[in-house]
Amino acid sequence: LVWNIMGVVPVLQFPVASHIAFPAVLALLIYGLKVYLG
């Protein structure tokens, strides 16, 4: 949520998740946890 909100904060104005590396790493960590738990 904070990553995304950065996109409408004056001066900052950049959503972190608009760079694919950040959501990709987070999604892979979660999916790695899913496989491990399974």
Full PDB file with SEQRES, HELIX, SHEET, SSBOND, CRYST1, ORIGX, SCALE, CONECT and MASTER records, all heavy atoms in Angstrom:
SEQRES   1 A   38  LEU VAL TRP ASN ILE MET GLY VAL VAL PRO VAL LEU GLN          
SEQRES   2 A   38  PHE PRO VAL ALA SER HIS ILE ALA PHE PRO ALA VAL LEU          
SEQRES   3 A   38  ALA LEU LEU ILE TYR GLY LEU LYS VAL TYR LEU GLY              
HELIX    1 AA1 VAL A    2  ILE A    5  1                                   4    
HELIX    2 AA2 MET A    6  VAL A    8  5                                   3    
HELIX    3 AA3 VAL A   16  SER A   18  5                                   3    
HELIX    4 AA4 ALA A   21  LEU A   37  1                                  17    
CRYST1    1.000    1.000    1.000  90.00  90.00  90.00 P 1           1          
ORIGX1      1.000000  0.000000  0.000000        0.00000                         
ORIGX2      0.000000  1.000000  0.000000        0.00000                         
ORIGX3      0.000000  0.000000  1.000000        0.00000                         
SCALE1      1.000000  0.000000  0.000000        0.00000                         
SCALE2      0.000000  1.000000  0.000000        0.00000                         
SCALE3      0.000000  0.000000  1.000000        0.00000                         
ATOM      1  N   LEU A   1       0.831  -1.210   0.000  1.00  0.00           N  
ATOM      2  CA  LEU A   1       0.000   0.000   0.000  1.00  0.00           C  
ATOM      3  C   LEU A   1       0.866   1.262   0.000  1.00  0.00           C  
ATOM      4  O   LEU A   1       0.615   2.194  -0.770  1.00  0.00           O  
ATOM      5  CB  LEU A   1      -0.926  -0.005   1.216  1.00  0.00           C  
ATOM      6  CG  LEU A   1      -1.867   1.198   1.349  1.00  0.00           C  
ATOM      7  CD1 LEU A   1      -2.798   1.291   0.147  1.00  0.00           C  
ATOM      8  CD2 LEU A   1      -2.665   1.115   2.640  1.00  0.00           C  
ATOM      9  N   VAL A   2       1.888   1.294   0.834  1.00  0.00           N  
ATOM     10  CA  VAL A   2       2.772   2.468   0.880  1.00  0.00           C  
ATOM     11  C   VAL A   2       3.566   2.578  -0.417  1.00  0.00           C  
ATOM     12  O   VAL A   2       3.763   3.684  -0.941  1.00  0.00           O  
ATOM     13  CB  VAL A   2       3.707   2.401   2.106  1.00  0.00           C  
ATOM     14  CG1 VAL A   2       4.701   3.563   2.087  1.00  0.00           C  
ATOM     15  CG2 VAL A   2       2.890   2.451   3.392  1.00  0.00           C  
ATOM     16  N   TRP A   3       4.038   1.456  -0.954  1.00  0.00           N  
ATOM     17  CA  TRP A   3       4.679   1.477  -2.276  1.00  0.00           C  
ATOM     18  C   TRP A   3       3.803   2.207  -3.284  1.00  0.00           C  
ATOM     19  O   TRP A   3       4.269   3.057  -4.041  1.00  0.00           O  
ATOM     20  CB  TRP A   3       4.888   0.048  -2.788  1.00  0.00           C  
ATOM     21  CG  TRP A   3       6.093  -0.655  -2.286  1.00  0.00           C  
ATOM     22  CD1 TRP A   3       7.016  -0.197  -1.395  1.00  0.00           C  
ATOM     23  CD2 TRP A   3       6.506  -1.969  -2.666  1.00  0.00           C  
ATOM     24  NE1 TRP A   3       7.979  -1.147  -1.185  1.00  0.00           N  
ATOM     25  CE2 TRP A   3       7.697  -2.228  -1.950  1.00  0.00           C  
ATOM     26  CE3 TRP A   3       5.988  -2.937  -3.512  1.00  0.00           C  
ATOM     27  CZ2 TRP A   3       8.372  -3.451  -2.085  1.00  0.00           C  
ATOM     28  CZ3 TRP A   3       6.664  -4.134  -3.645  1.00  0.00           C  
ATOM     29  CH2 TRP A   3       7.845  -4.382  -2.945  1.00  0.00           C  
ATOM     30  N   ASN A   4       2.525   1.838  -3.307  1.00  0.00           N  
ATOM     31  CA  ASN A   4       1.606   2.402  -4.291  1.00  0.00           C  
ATOM     32  C   ASN A   4       1.292   3.869  -4.020  1.00  0.00           C  
ATOM     33  O   ASN A   4       1.265   4.692  -4.945  1.00  0.00           O  
ATOM     34  CB  ASN A   4       0.309   1.590  -4.313  1.00  0.00           C  
ATOM     35  CG  ASN A   4       0.520   0.152  -4.740  1.00  0.00           C  
ATOM     36  OD1 ASN A   4       1.565  -0.198  -5.271  1.00  0.00           O  
ATOM     37  ND2 ASN A   4      -0.470  -0.688  -4.512  1.00  0.00           N  
ATOM     38  N   ILE A   5       1.046   4.191  -2.745  1.00  0.00           N  
ATOM     39  CA  ILE A   5       0.672   5.561  -2.381  1.00  0.00           C  
ATOM     40  C   ILE A   5       1.780   6.549  -2.713  1.00  0.00           C  
ATOM     41  O   ILE A   5       1.521   7.739  -2.950  1.00  0.00           O  
ATOM     42  CB  ILE A   5       0.318   5.631  -0.884  1.00  0.00           C  
ATOM     43  CG1 ILE A   5      -0.994   4.869  -0.623  1.00  0.00           C  
ATOM     44  CG2 ILE A   5       0.176   7.065  -0.400  1.00  0.00           C  
ATOM     45  CD1 ILE A   5      -2.208   5.465  -1.301  1.00  0.00           C  
ATOM     46  N   MET A   6       3.025   6.081  -2.767  1.00  0.00           N  
ATOM     47  CA  MET A   6       4.129   6.965  -3.155  1.00  0.00           C  
ATOM     48  C   MET A   6       3.873   7.625  -4.510  1.00  0.00           C  
ATOM     49  O   MET A   6       4.413   8.687  -4.808  1.00  0.00           O  
ATOM     50  CB  MET A   6       5.447   6.186  -3.203  1.00  0.00           C  
ATOM     51  CG  MET A   6       5.978   5.750  -1.863  1.00  0.00           C  
ATOM     52  SD  MET A   6       6.544   7.148  -0.875  1.00  0.00           S  
ATOM     53  CE  MET A   6       7.142   6.312   0.603  1.00  0.00           C  
ATOM     54  N   GLY A   7       3.030   7.007  -5.331  1.00  0.00           N  
ATOM     55  CA  GLY A   7       2.761   7.550  -6.649  1.00  0.00           C  
ATOM     56  C   GLY A   7       1.942   8.820  -6.651  1.00  0.00           C  
ATOM     57  O   GLY A   7       1.922   9.530  -7.663  1.00  0.00           O  
ATOM     58  N   VAL A   8       1.235   9.129  -5.563  1.00  0.00           N  
ATOM     59  CA  VAL A   8       0.425  10.349  -5.513  1.00  0.00           C  
ATOM     60  C   VAL A   8       0.886  11.300  -4.415  1.00  0.00           C  
ATOM     61  O   VAL A   8       0.232  12.311  -4.162  1.00  0.00           O  
ATOM     62  CB  VAL A   8      -1.075  10.008  -5.313  1.00  0.00           C  
ATOM     63  CG1 VAL A   8      -1.613   9.270  -6.524  1.00  0.00           C  
ATOM     64  CG2 VAL A   8      -1.300   9.193  -4.042  1.00  0.00           C  
ATOM     65  N   VAL A   9       1.995  11.005  -3.768  1.00  0.00           N  
ATOM     66  CA  VAL A   9       2.545  11.918  -2.764  1.00  0.00           C  
ATOM     67  C   VAL A   9       3.299  13.032  -3.483  1.00  0.00           C  
ATOM     68  O   VAL A   9       4.181  12.757  -4.305  1.00  0.00           O  
ATOM     69  CB  VAL A   9       3.499  11.179  -1.804  1.00  0.00           C  
ATOM     70  CG1 VAL A   9       4.169  12.160  -0.836  1.00  0.00           C  
ATOM     71  CG2 VAL A   9       2.729  10.117  -1.017  1.00  0.00           C  
ATOM     72  N   PRO A  10       2.953  14.294  -3.247  1.00  0.00           N  
ATOM     73  CA  PRO A  10       3.662  15.392  -3.922  1.00  0.00           C  
ATOM     74  C   PRO A  10       5.172  15.293  -3.745  1.00  0.00           C  
ATOM     75  O   PRO A  10       5.656  14.865  -2.705  1.00  0.00           O  
ATOM     76  CB  PRO A  10       3.091  16.642  -3.237  1.00  0.00           C  
ATOM     77  CG  PRO A  10       1.738  16.219  -2.752  1.00  0.00           C  
ATOM     78  CD  PRO A  10       1.882  14.779  -2.351  1.00  0.00           C  
ATOM     79  N   VAL A  11       5.888  15.686  -4.762  1.00  0.00           N  
ATOM     80  CA  VAL A  11       7.353  15.654  -4.857  1.00  0.00           C  
ATOM     81  C   VAL A  11       7.847  14.233  -5.141  1.00  0.00           C  
ATOM     82  O   VAL A  11       8.600  14.019  -6.088  1.00  0.00           O  
ATOM     83  CB  VAL A  11       8.046  16.212  -3.597  1.00  0.00           C  
ATOM     84  CG1 VAL A  11       9.563  16.113  -3.752  1.00  0.00           C  
ATOM     85  CG2 VAL A  11       7.634  17.657  -3.350  1.00  0.00           C  
ATOM     86  N   LEU A  12       7.430  13.244  -4.331  1.00  0.00           N  
ATOM     87  CA  LEU A  12       7.892  11.871  -4.557  1.00  0.00           C  
ATOM     88  C   LEU A  12       7.307  11.334  -5.860  1.00  0.00           C  
ATOM     89  O   LEU A  12       8.021  10.986  -6.772  1.00  0.00           O  
ATOM     90  CB  LEU A  12       7.503  10.984  -3.377  1.00  0.00           C  
ATOM     91  CG  LEU A  12       8.036  11.415  -2.014  1.00  0.00           C  
ATOM     92  CD1 LEU A  12       7.572  10.462  -0.922  1.00  0.00           C  
ATOM     93  CD2 LEU A  12       9.558  11.504  -2.029  1.00  0.00           C  
ATOM     94  N   GLN A  13       6.001  11.223  -5.928  1.00  0.00           N  
ATOM     95  CA  GLN A  13       5.249  10.944  -7.154  1.00  0.00           C  
ATOM     96  C   GLN A  13       5.838   9.816  -8.003  1.00  0.00           C  
ATOM     97  O   GLN A  13       6.071   9.970  -9.198  1.00  0.00           O  
ATOM     98  CB  GLN A  13       5.131  12.227  -7.984  1.00  0.00           C  
ATOM     99  CG  GLN A  13       4.239  13.264  -7.324  1.00  0.00           C  
ATOM    100  CD  GLN A  13       4.148  14.542  -8.110  1.00  0.00           C  
ATOM    101  OE1 GLN A  13       5.162  15.108  -8.512  1.00  0.00           O  
ATOM    102  NE2 GLN A  13       2.937  15.017  -8.335  1.00  0.00           N  
ATOM    103  N   PHE A  14       6.046   8.674  -7.362  1.00  0.00           N  
ATOM    104  CA  PHE A  14       6.497   7.498  -8.117  1.00  0.00           C  
ATOM    105  C   PHE A  14       6.061   6.246  -7.370  1.00  0.00           C  
ATOM    106  O   PHE A  14       6.502   6.004  -6.251  1.00  0.00           O  
ATOM    107  CB  PHE A  14       8.017   7.491  -8.283  1.00  0.00           C  
ATOM    108  CG  PHE A  14       8.483   6.445  -9.251  1.00  0.00           C  
ATOM    109  CD1 PHE A  14       8.616   6.747 -10.597  1.00  0.00           C  
ATOM    110  CD2 PHE A  14       8.761   5.150  -8.827  1.00  0.00           C  
ATOM    111  CE1 PHE A  14       9.025   5.781 -11.506  1.00  0.00           C  
ATOM    112  CE2 PHE A  14       9.167   4.190  -9.724  1.00  0.00           C  
ATOM    113  CZ  PHE A  14       9.305   4.499 -11.067  1.00  0.00           C  
ATOM    114  N   PRO A  15       5.169   5.432  -7.982  1.00  0.00           N  
ATOM    115  CA  PRO A  15       4.760   4.180  -7.330  1.00  0.00           C  
ATOM    116  C   PRO A  15       5.855   3.130  -7.459  1.00  0.00           C  
ATOM    117  O   PRO A  15       6.248   2.766  -8.575  1.00  0.00           O  
ATOM    118  CB  PRO A  15       3.496   3.785  -8.109  1.00  0.00           C  
ATOM    119  CG  PRO A  15       3.670   4.415  -9.455  1.00  0.00           C  
ATOM    120  CD  PRO A  15       4.478   5.666  -9.253  1.00  0.00           C  
ATOM    121  N   VAL A  16       6.357   2.668  -6.346  1.00  0.00           N  
ATOM    122  CA  VAL A  16       7.479   1.728  -6.361  1.00  0.00           C  
ATOM    123  C   VAL A  16       7.149   0.482  -7.171  1.00  0.00           C  
ATOM    124  O   VAL A  16       7.988  -0.044  -7.913  1.00  0.00           O  
ATOM    125  CB  VAL A  16       7.862   1.344  -4.911  1.00  0.00           C  
ATOM    126  CG1 VAL A  16       8.959   0.282  -4.896  1.00  0.00           C  
ATOM    127  CG2 VAL A  16       8.308   2.580  -4.141  1.00  0.00           C  
ATOM    128  N   ALA A  17       5.907   0.002  -7.060  1.00  0.00           N  
ATOM    129  CA  ALA A  17       5.524  -1.237  -7.747  1.00  0.00           C  
ATOM    130  C   ALA A  17       5.434  -1.084  -9.261  1.00  0.00           C  
ATOM    131  O   ALA A  17       5.235  -2.072  -9.962  1.00  0.00           O  
ATOM    132  CB  ALA A  17       4.192  -1.748  -7.198  1.00  0.00           C  
ATOM    133  N   SER A  18       5.592   0.136  -9.792  1.00  0.00           N  
ATOM    134  CA  SER A  18       5.598   0.295 -11.248  1.00  0.00           C  
ATOM    135  C   SER A  18       6.920  -0.154 -11.853  1.00  0.00           C  
ATOM    136  O   SER A  18       7.067  -0.170 -13.076  1.00  0.00           O  
ATOM    137  CB  SER A  18       5.330   1.752 -11.624  1.00  0.00           C  
ATOM    138  OG  SER A  18       6.379   2.599 -11.196  1.00  0.00           O  
ATOM    139  N   HIS A  19       7.902  -0.508 -11.032  1.00  0.00           N  
ATOM    140  CA  HIS A  19       9.106  -1.207 -11.475  1.00  0.00           C  
ATOM    141  C   HIS A  19       8.909  -2.678 -11.195  1.00  0.00           C  
ATOM    142  O   HIS A  19       8.766  -3.082 -10.044  1.00  0.00           O  
ATOM    143  CB  HIS A  19      10.352  -0.677 -10.749  1.00  0.00           C  
ATOM    144  CG  HIS A  19      11.073   0.383 -11.508  1.00  0.00           C  
ATOM    145  ND1 HIS A  19      12.443   0.466 -11.558  1.00  0.00           N  
ATOM    146  CD2 HIS A  19      10.630   1.400 -12.280  1.00  0.00           C  
ATOM    147  CE1 HIS A  19      12.811   1.494 -12.308  1.00  0.00           C  
ATOM    148  NE2 HIS A  19      11.723   2.079 -12.754  1.00  0.00           N  
ATOM    149  N   ILE A  20       8.908  -3.511 -12.209  1.00  0.00           N  
ATOM    150  CA  ILE A  20       8.536  -4.912 -12.098  1.00  0.00           C  
ATOM    151  C   ILE A  20       9.401  -5.668 -11.091  1.00  0.00           C  
ATOM    152  O   ILE A  20       8.949  -6.650 -10.490  1.00  0.00           O  
ATOM    153  CB  ILE A  20       8.605  -5.594 -13.483  1.00  0.00           C  
ATOM    154  CG1 ILE A  20       8.096  -7.038 -13.420  1.00  0.00           C  
ATOM    155  CG2 ILE A  20      10.017  -5.527 -14.036  1.00  0.00           C  
ATOM    156  CD1 ILE A  20       6.668  -7.182 -12.998  1.00  0.00           C  
ATOM    157  N   ALA A  21      10.642  -5.228 -10.867  1.00  0.00           N  
ATOM    158  CA  ALA A  21      11.530  -5.965  -9.964  1.00  0.00           C  
ATOM    159  C   ALA A  21      10.959  -6.064  -8.556  1.00  0.00           C  
ATOM    160  O   ALA A  21      11.084  -7.109  -7.902  1.00  0.00           O  
ATOM    161  CB  ALA A  21      12.903  -5.293  -9.916  1.00  0.00           C  
ATOM    162  N   PHE A  22      10.313  -5.014  -8.070  1.00  0.00           N  
ATOM    163  CA  PHE A  22       9.837  -5.006  -6.680  1.00  0.00           C  
ATOM    164  C   PHE A  22       8.668  -5.966  -6.469  1.00  0.00           C  
ATOM    165  O   PHE A  22       8.735  -6.830  -5.586  1.00  0.00           O  
ATOM    166  CB  PHE A  22       9.486  -3.584  -6.258  1.00  0.00           C  
ATOM    167  CG  PHE A  22      10.667  -2.670  -6.230  1.00  0.00           C  
ATOM    168  CD1 PHE A  22      10.961  -1.830  -7.296  1.00  0.00           C  
ATOM    169  CD2 PHE A  22      11.519  -2.653  -5.126  1.00  0.00           C  
ATOM    170  CE1 PHE A  22      12.063  -0.996  -7.273  1.00  0.00           C  
ATOM    171  CE2 PHE A  22      12.623  -1.814  -5.094  1.00  0.00           C  
ATOM    172  CZ  PHE A  22      12.901  -0.987  -6.170  1.00  0.00           C  
ATOM    173  N   PRO A  23       7.569  -5.885  -7.238  1.00  0.00           N  
ATOM    174  CA  PRO A  23       6.515  -6.889  -7.052  1.00  0.00           C  
ATOM    175  C   PRO A  23       6.963  -8.295  -7.420  1.00  0.00           C  
ATOM    176  O   PRO A  23       6.487  -9.273  -6.835  1.00  0.00           O  
ATOM    177  CB  PRO A  23       5.379  -6.398  -7.956  1.00  0.00           C  
ATOM    178  CG  PRO A  23       6.010  -5.472  -8.926  1.00  0.00           C  
ATOM    179  CD  PRO A  23       7.171  -4.851  -8.214  1.00  0.00           C  
ATOM    180  N   ALA A  24       7.903  -8.430  -8.374  1.00  0.00           N  
ATOM    181  CA  ALA A  24       8.361  -9.761  -8.776  1.00  0.00           C  
ATOM    182  C   ALA A  24       9.097 -10.445  -7.629  1.00  0.00           C  
ATOM    183  O   ALA A  24       8.855 -11.627  -7.332  1.00  0.00           O  
ATOM    184  CB  ALA A  24       9.264  -9.662 -10.000  1.00  0.00           C  
ATOM    185  N   VAL A  25       9.992  -9.727  -6.974  1.00  0.00           N  
ATOM    186  CA  VAL A  25      10.737 -10.323  -5.849  1.00  0.00           C  
ATOM    187  C   VAL A  25       9.787 -10.690  -4.714  1.00  0.00           C  
ATOM    188  O   VAL A  25       9.876 -11.778  -4.134  1.00  0.00           O  
ATOM    189  CB  VAL A  25      11.830  -9.349  -5.362  1.00  0.00           C  
ATOM    190  CG1 VAL A  25      12.410  -9.822  -4.028  1.00  0.00           C  
ATOM    191  CG2 VAL A  25      12.932  -9.233  -6.404  1.00  0.00           C  
ATOM    192  N   LEU A  26       8.851  -9.808  -4.406  1.00  0.00           N  
ATOM    193  CA  LEU A  26       7.910 -10.086  -3.320  1.00  0.00           C  
ATOM    194  C   LEU A  26       7.016 -11.274  -3.673  1.00  0.00           C  
ATOM    195  O   LEU A  26       6.761 -12.147  -2.822  1.00  0.00           O  
ATOM    196  CB  LEU A  26       7.065  -8.842  -3.048  1.00  0.00           C  
ATOM    197  CG  LEU A  26       6.256  -8.824  -1.748  1.00  0.00           C  
ATOM    198  CD1 LEU A  26       7.152  -9.061  -0.541  1.00  0.00           C  
ATOM    199  CD2 LEU A  26       5.524  -7.504  -1.593  1.00  0.00           C  
ATOM    200  N   ALA A  27       6.540 -11.344  -4.908  1.00  0.00           N  
ATOM    201  CA  ALA A  27       5.699 -12.465  -5.322  1.00  0.00           C  
ATOM    202  C   ALA A  27       6.476 -13.779  -5.304  1.00  0.00           C  
ATOM    203  O   ALA A  27       5.942 -14.822  -4.894  1.00  0.00           O  
ATOM    204  CB  ALA A  27       5.133 -12.207  -6.720  1.00  0.00           C  
ATOM    205  N   LEU A  28       7.733 -13.761  -5.721  1.00  0.00           N  
ATOM    206  CA  LEU A  28       8.541 -14.982  -5.713  1.00  0.00           C  
ATOM    207  C   LEU A  28       8.824 -15.455  -4.291  1.00  0.00           C  
ATOM    208  O   LEU A  28       8.832 -16.664  -4.021  1.00  0.00           O  
ATOM    209  CB  LEU A  28       9.851 -14.748  -6.465  1.00  0.00           C  
ATOM    210  CG  LEU A  28       9.737 -14.678  -7.987  1.00  0.00           C  
ATOM    211  CD1 LEU A  28      11.071 -14.291  -8.612  1.00  0.00           C  
ATOM    212  CD2 LEU A  28       9.244 -16.001  -8.565  1.00  0.00           C  
ATOM    213  N   LEU A  29       9.045 -14.529  -3.374  1.00  0.00           N  
ATOM    214  CA  LEU A  29       9.240 -14.915  -1.971  1.00  0.00           C  
ATOM    215  C   LEU A  29       7.987 -15.585  -1.404  1.00  0.00           C  
ATOM    216  O   LEU A  29       8.077 -16.609  -0.717  1.00  0.00           O  
ATOM    217  CB  LEU A  29       9.609 -13.682  -1.135  1.00  0.00           C  
ATOM    218  CG  LEU A  29      11.006 -13.103  -1.366  1.00  0.00           C  
ATOM    219  CD1 LEU A  29      11.170 -11.792  -0.585  1.00  0.00           C  
ATOM    220  CD2 LEU A  29      12.078 -14.096  -0.930  1.00  0.00           C  
ATOM    221  N   ILE A  30       6.840 -15.009  -1.707  1.00  0.00           N  
ATOM    222  CA  ILE A  30       5.585 -15.591  -1.230  1.00  0.00           C  
ATOM    223  C   ILE A  30       5.350 -16.947  -1.877  1.00  0.00           C  
ATOM    224  O   ILE A  30       4.933 -17.906  -1.212  1.00  0.00           O  
ATOM    225  CB  ILE A  30       4.414 -14.630  -1.516  1.00  0.00           C  
ATOM    226  CG1 ILE A  30       4.537 -13.391  -0.629  1.00  0.00           C  
ATOM    227  CG2 ILE A  30       3.064 -15.323  -1.294  1.00  0.00           C  
ATOM    228  CD1 ILE A  30       3.583 -12.279  -0.983  1.00  0.00           C  
ATOM    229  N   TYR A  31       5.650 -17.063  -3.163  1.00  0.00           N  
ATOM    230  CA  TYR A  31       5.416 -18.334  -3.826  1.00  0.00           C  
ATOM    231  C   TYR A  31       6.414 -19.398  -3.362  1.00  0.00           C  
ATOM    232  O   TYR A  31       6.070 -20.570  -3.255  1.00  0.00           O  
ATOM    233  CB  TYR A  31       5.482 -18.173  -5.339  1.00  0.00           C  
ATOM    234  CG  TYR A  31       4.677 -19.236  -6.027  1.00  0.00           C  
ATOM    235  CD1 TYR A  31       3.285 -19.159  -6.048  1.00  0.00           C  
ATOM    236  CD2 TYR A  31       5.279 -20.342  -6.607  1.00  0.00           C  
ATOM    237  CE1 TYR A  31       2.524 -20.144  -6.647  1.00  0.00           C  
ATOM    238  CE2 TYR A  31       4.527 -21.337  -7.210  1.00  0.00           C  
ATOM    239  CZ  TYR A  31       3.149 -21.226  -7.217  1.00  0.00           C  
ATOM    240  OH  TYR A  31       2.400 -22.213  -7.785  1.00  0.00           O  
ATOM    241  N   GLY A  32       7.646 -18.971  -3.075  1.00  0.00           N  
ATOM    242  CA  GLY A  32       8.597 -19.906  -2.486  1.00  0.00           C  
ATOM    243  C   GLY A  32       8.109 -20.428  -1.139  1.00  0.00           C  
ATOM    244  O   GLY A  32       8.255 -21.620  -0.823  1.00  0.00           O  
ATOM    245  N   LEU A  33       7.504 -19.552  -0.347  1.00  0.00           N  
ATOM    246  CA  LEU A  33       6.922 -19.964   0.931  1.00  0.00           C  
ATOM    247  C   LEU A  33       5.774 -20.942   0.706  1.00  0.00           C  
ATOM    248  O   LEU A  33       5.627 -21.922   1.439  1.00  0.00           O  
ATOM    249  CB  LEU A  33       6.435 -18.730   1.687  1.00  0.00           C  
ATOM    250  CG  LEU A  33       5.739 -18.979   3.030  1.00  0.00           C  
ATOM    251  CD1 LEU A  33       6.688 -19.640   4.023  1.00  0.00           C  
ATOM    252  CD2 LEU A  33       5.205 -17.659   3.604  1.00  0.00           C  
ATOM    253  N   LYS A  34       4.955 -20.684  -0.301  1.00  0.00           N  
ATOM    254  CA  LYS A  34       3.837 -21.578  -0.633  1.00  0.00           C  
ATOM    255  C   LYS A  34       4.341 -22.989  -0.955  1.00  0.00           C  
ATOM    256  O   LYS A  34       3.807 -23.986  -0.435  1.00  0.00           O  
ATOM    257  CB  LYS A  34       3.049 -21.022  -1.818  1.00  0.00           C  
ATOM    258  CG  LYS A  34       2.121 -22.016  -2.503  1.00  0.00           C  
ATOM    259  CD  LYS A  34       1.559 -21.436  -3.778  1.00  0.00           C  
ATOM    260  CE  LYS A  34       1.001 -22.523  -4.687  1.00  0.00           C  
ATOM    261  NZ  LYS A  34      -0.116 -23.265  -4.118  1.00  0.00           N  
ATOM    262  N   VAL A  35       5.354 -23.092  -1.806  1.00  0.00           N  
ATOM    263  CA  VAL A  35       5.883 -24.399  -2.185  1.00  0.00           C  
ATOM    264  C   VAL A  35       6.516 -25.091  -0.977  1.00  0.00           C  
ATOM    265  O   VAL A  35       6.312 -26.298  -0.757  1.00  0.00           O  
ATOM    266  CB  VAL A  35       6.901 -24.257  -3.333  1.00  0.00           C  
ATOM    267  CG1 VAL A  35       7.562 -25.592  -3.641  1.00  0.00           C  
ATOM    268  CG2 VAL A  35       6.216 -23.702  -4.583  1.00  0.00           C  
ATOM    269  N   TYR A  36       7.265 -24.331  -0.185  1.00  0.00           N  
ATOM    270  CA  TYR A  36       7.892 -24.905   1.015  1.00  0.00           C  
ATOM    271  C   TYR A  36       6.848 -25.470   1.975  1.00  0.00           C  
ATOM    272  O   TYR A  36       6.985 -26.602   2.468  1.00  0.00           O  
ATOM    273  CB  TYR A  36       8.735 -23.841   1.714  1.00  0.00           C  
ATOM    274  CG  TYR A  36       9.143 -24.215   3.119  1.00  0.00           C  
ATOM    275  CD1 TYR A  36      10.169 -25.129   3.350  1.00  0.00           C  
ATOM    276  CD2 TYR A  36       8.486 -23.667   4.221  1.00  0.00           C  
ATOM    277  CE1 TYR A  36      10.534 -25.491   4.639  1.00  0.00           C  
ATOM    278  CE2 TYR A  36       8.849 -24.008   5.513  1.00  0.00           C  
ATOM    279  CZ  TYR A  36       9.866 -24.920   5.719  1.00  0.00           C  
ATOM    280  OH  TYR A  36      10.228 -25.275   7.001  1.00  0.00           O  
ATOM    281  N   LEU A  37       5.794 -24.687   2.230  1.00  0.00           N  
ATOM    282  CA  LEU A  37       4.757 -25.148   3.152  1.00  0.00           C  
ATOM    283  C   LEU A  37       4.004 -26.343   2.579  1.00  0.00           C  
ATOM    284  O   LEU A  37       3.621 -27.261   3.311  1.00  0.00           O  
ATOM    285  CB  LEU A  37       3.776 -24.003   3.443  1.00  0.00           C  
ATOM    286  CG  LEU A  37       4.321 -22.847   4.285  1.00  0.00           C  
ATOM    287  CD1 LEU A  37       3.302 -21.714   4.346  1.00  0.00           C  
ATOM    288  CD2 LEU A  37       4.675 -23.312   5.686  1.00  0.00           C  
ATOM    289  N   GLY A  38       3.778 -26.341   1.266  1.00  0.00           N  
ATOM    290  CA  GLY A  38       3.092 -27.461   0.646  1.00  0.00           C  
ATOM    291  C   GLY A  38       3.866 -28.751   0.788  1.00  0.00           C  
ATOM    292  O   GLY A  38       3.305 -29.797   1.138  1.00  0.00           O  
TER     293      GLY A  38                                                      
MASTER        0    0    0    4    0    0    0    6  292    1    0    3          
END                                                                             
